[in-house]
C-alpha cells in the first residue's frame, strides 16, 4: 500500500490495520479459512496487514516458500483492490 514512512503521514490519518496471527502454514494449513481471510482483506482494503506468531508449522523450505507465496498473493490482491495497478500506491 503506502510507501511513506509513518512520520510523513498526517497526524489525523485514519489507517485500517488488520492483524492475523499463527498462520501455521504446513500440512494442516486451512486453505478455506485462508481464502475467507484474504477475501475479508480485499473487501476492507487495509493500509497495513500485520502477521505475527507462528508463520509455519515447521521451518522446512517448502513451508517457508508456501507461506511467502500466500503473503505475496494477499498483498497483490489488496493492492489491486486499492487501485495499486495504476501506480497510485
C-alpha atoms as a PDB file:
ATOM      1  CA  UNK A   1       0.000   0.000   0.000  1.00  0.00           C
ATOM      2  CA  UNK A   2       1.621   3.239   1.140  1.00  0.00           C
ATOM      3  CA  UNK A   3       5.401   3.533   0.973  1.00  0.00           C
ATOM      4  CA  UNK A   4       5.559   6.682   3.102  1.00  0.00           C
ATOM      5  CA  UNK A   5       7.324   6.415   6.463  1.00  0.00           C
ATOM      6  CA  UNK A   6       4.962   6.798   9.423  1.00  0.00           C
ATOM      7  CA  UNK A   7       6.299  10.236  10.329  1.00  0.00           C
ATOM      8  CA  UNK A   8       5.274  11.510   6.867  1.00  0.00           C
ATOM      9  CA  UNK A   9       1.613  10.642   7.462  1.00  0.00           C
ATOM     10  CA  UNK A  10      -0.758  13.329   8.735  1.00  0.00           C
ATOM     11  CA  UNK A  11      -1.440  13.142  12.474  1.00  0.00           C
ATOM     12  CA  UNK A  12      -5.154  12.722  11.828  1.00  0.00           C
ATOM     13  CA  UNK A  13      -4.729   9.962   9.232  1.00  0.00           C
ATOM     14  CA  UNK A  14      -7.233   7.134   9.521  1.00  0.00           C
ATOM     15  CA  UNK A  15      -5.433   3.849   8.971  1.00  0.00           C
ATOM     16  CA  UNK A  16      -7.067   0.472   8.523  1.00  0.00           C
ATOM     17  CA  UNK A  17      -4.955  -2.218  10.134  1.00  0.00           C
ATOM     18  CA  UNK A  18      -5.635  -5.953  10.013  1.00  0.00           C
ATOM     19  CA  UNK A  19      -3.736  -8.288  12.318  1.00  0.00           C
ATOM     20  CA  UNK A  20      -3.530 -12.047  11.883  1.00  0.00           C
ATOM     21  CA  UNK A  21      -1.508 -14.428  13.988  1.00  0.00           C
ATOM     22  CA  UNK A  22      -0.420 -18.050  13.936  1.00  0.00           C
ATOM     23  CA  UNK A  23      -0.972 -18.933  10.284  1.00  0.00           C
ATOM     24  CA  UNK A  24       0.747 -22.302  10.761  1.00  0.00           C
ATOM     25  CA  UNK A  25       1.384 -22.898   7.074  1.00  0.00           C
ATOM     26  CA  UNK A  26       2.115 -26.580   6.611  1.00  0.00           C
ATOM     27  CA  UNK A  27       0.339 -29.891   6.290  1.00  0.00           C
ATOM     28  CA  UNK A  28      -2.589 -28.806   8.490  1.00  0.00           C
ATOM     29  CA  UNK A  29      -2.993 -25.389   6.833  1.00  0.00           C
ATOM     30  CA  UNK A  30      -6.660 -24.482   6.416  1.00  0.00           C
ATOM     31  CA  UNK A  31      -6.910 -23.231   2.831  1.00  0.00           C
ATOM     32  CA  UNK A  32     -10.618 -22.382   3.104  1.00  0.00           C
ATOM     33  CA  UNK A  33     -10.068 -20.255   6.194  1.00  0.00           C
ATOM     34  CA  UNK A  34      -7.133 -18.508   4.471  1.00  0.00           C
ATOM     35  CA  UNK A  35      -9.280 -17.776   1.406  1.00  0.00           C
ATOM     36  CA  UNK A  36     -12.005 -16.318   3.629  1.00  0.00           C
ATOM     37  CA  UNK A  37      -9.415 -14.144   5.403  1.00  0.00           C
ATOM     38  CA  UNK A  38      -7.998 -12.992   2.050  1.00  0.00           C
ATOM     39  CA  UNK A  39     -11.476 -12.030   0.854  1.00  0.00           C
ATOM     40  CA  UNK A  40     -12.053 -10.011   4.041  1.00  0.00           C
ATOM     41  CA  UNK A  41      -8.751  -8.192   3.493  1.00  0.00           C
ATOM     42  CA  UNK A  42      -9.654  -7.340  -0.083  1.00  0.00           C
ATOM     43  CA  UNK A  43     -13.085  -6.055   0.986  1.00  0.00           C
ATOM     44  CA  UNK A  44     -11.715  -3.949   3.860  1.00  0.00           C
ATOM     45  CA  UNK A  45      -8.771  -2.603   1.820  1.00  0.00           C
ATOM     46  CA  UNK A  46      -6.410  -2.178   4.783  1.00  0.00           C
ATOM     47  CA  UNK A  47      -3.441   0.153   4.785  1.00  0.00           C
ATOM     48  CA  UNK A  48      -1.431  -2.351   6.780  1.00  0.00           C
ATOM     49  CA  UNK A  49      -1.619  -6.107   7.390  1.00  0.00           C
ATOM     50  CA  UNK A  50       0.352  -7.348  10.387  1.00  0.00           C
ATOM     51  CA  UNK A  51       1.298 -11.021  10.546  1.00  0.00           C
ATOM     52  CA  UNK A  52       2.635 -12.327  13.845  1.00  0.00           C
ATOM     53  CA  UNK A  53       3.030 -15.585  15.719  1.00  0.00           C
ATOM     54  CA  UNK A  54       3.852 -18.910  14.120  1.00  0.00           C
ATOM     55  CA  UNK A  55       4.035 -18.405  10.363  1.00  0.00           C
ATOM     56  CA  UNK A  56       4.767 -22.082   9.646  1.00  0.00           C
ATOM     57  CA  UNK A  57       4.364 -25.385  11.479  1.00  0.00           C
ATOM     58  CA  UNK A  58       7.938 -26.440  10.759  1.00  0.00           C
ATOM     59  CA  UNK A  59      10.731 -24.422   9.154  1.00  0.00           C
ATOM     60  CA  UNK A  60      11.019 -26.677   6.127  1.00  0.00           C
ATOM     61  CA  UNK A  61      11.859 -24.898   2.887  1.00  0.00           C
ATOM     62  CA  UNK A  62       8.575 -25.909   1.286  1.00  0.00           C
ATOM     63  CA  UNK A  63       6.520 -24.459   4.158  1.00  0.00           C
ATOM     64  CA  UNK A  64       8.515 -21.226   4.128  1.00  0.00           C
ATOM     65  CA  UNK A  65       8.076 -20.918   0.346  1.00  0.00           C
ATOM     66  CA  UNK A  66       4.349 -21.612   0.654  1.00  0.00           C
ATOM     67  CA  UNK A  67       3.952 -19.005   3.411  1.00  0.00           C
ATOM     68  CA  UNK A  68       5.886 -16.431   1.370  1.00  0.00           C
ATOM     69  CA  UNK A  69       3.721 -17.136  -1.687  1.00  0.00           C
ATOM     70  CA  UNK A  70       0.494 -16.829   0.326  1.00  0.00           C
ATOM     71  CA  UNK A  71       1.549 -13.467   1.796  1.00  0.00           C
ATOM     72  CA  UNK A  72       2.662 -12.081  -1.590  1.00  0.00           C
ATOM     73  CA  UNK A  73      -0.626 -13.161  -3.156  1.00  0.00           C
ATOM     74  CA  UNK A  74      -2.535 -11.442  -0.354  1.00  0.00           C
ATOM     75  CA  UNK A  75      -0.547  -8.215  -0.772  1.00  0.00           C
ATOM     76  CA  UNK A  76      -1.118  -8.219  -4.520  1.00  0.00           C
ATOM     77  CA  UNK A  77      -4.880  -8.787  -4.138  1.00  0.00           C
ATOM     78  CA  UNK A  78      -5.167  -5.917  -1.637  1.00  0.00           C
ATOM     79  CA  UNK A  79      -3.068  -3.595  -3.832  1.00  0.00           C
ATOM     80  CA  UNK A  80      -5.267  -4.301  -6.841  1.00  0.00           C
ATOM     81  CA  UNK A  81      -8.404  -3.658  -4.785  1.00  0.00           C
ATOM     82  CA  UNK A  82      -6.957  -0.326  -3.620  1.00  0.00           C
ATOM     83  CA  UNK A  83      -6.073   0.684  -7.179  1.00  0.00           C
ATOM     84  CA  UNK A  84      -2.373  -0.099  -6.893  1.00  0.00           C
ATOM     85  CA  UNK A  85      -2.192  -1.218 -10.510  1.00  0.00           C
ATOM     86  CA  UNK A  86      -2.476   2.416 -11.602  1.00  0.00           C
ATOM     87  CA  UNK A  87       0.651   3.335  -9.649  1.00  0.00           C
ATOM     88  CA  UNK A  88      -1.294   5.288  -7.004  1.00  0.00           C
ATOM     89  CA  UNK A  89       0.080   3.361  -4.028  1.00  0.00           C
END
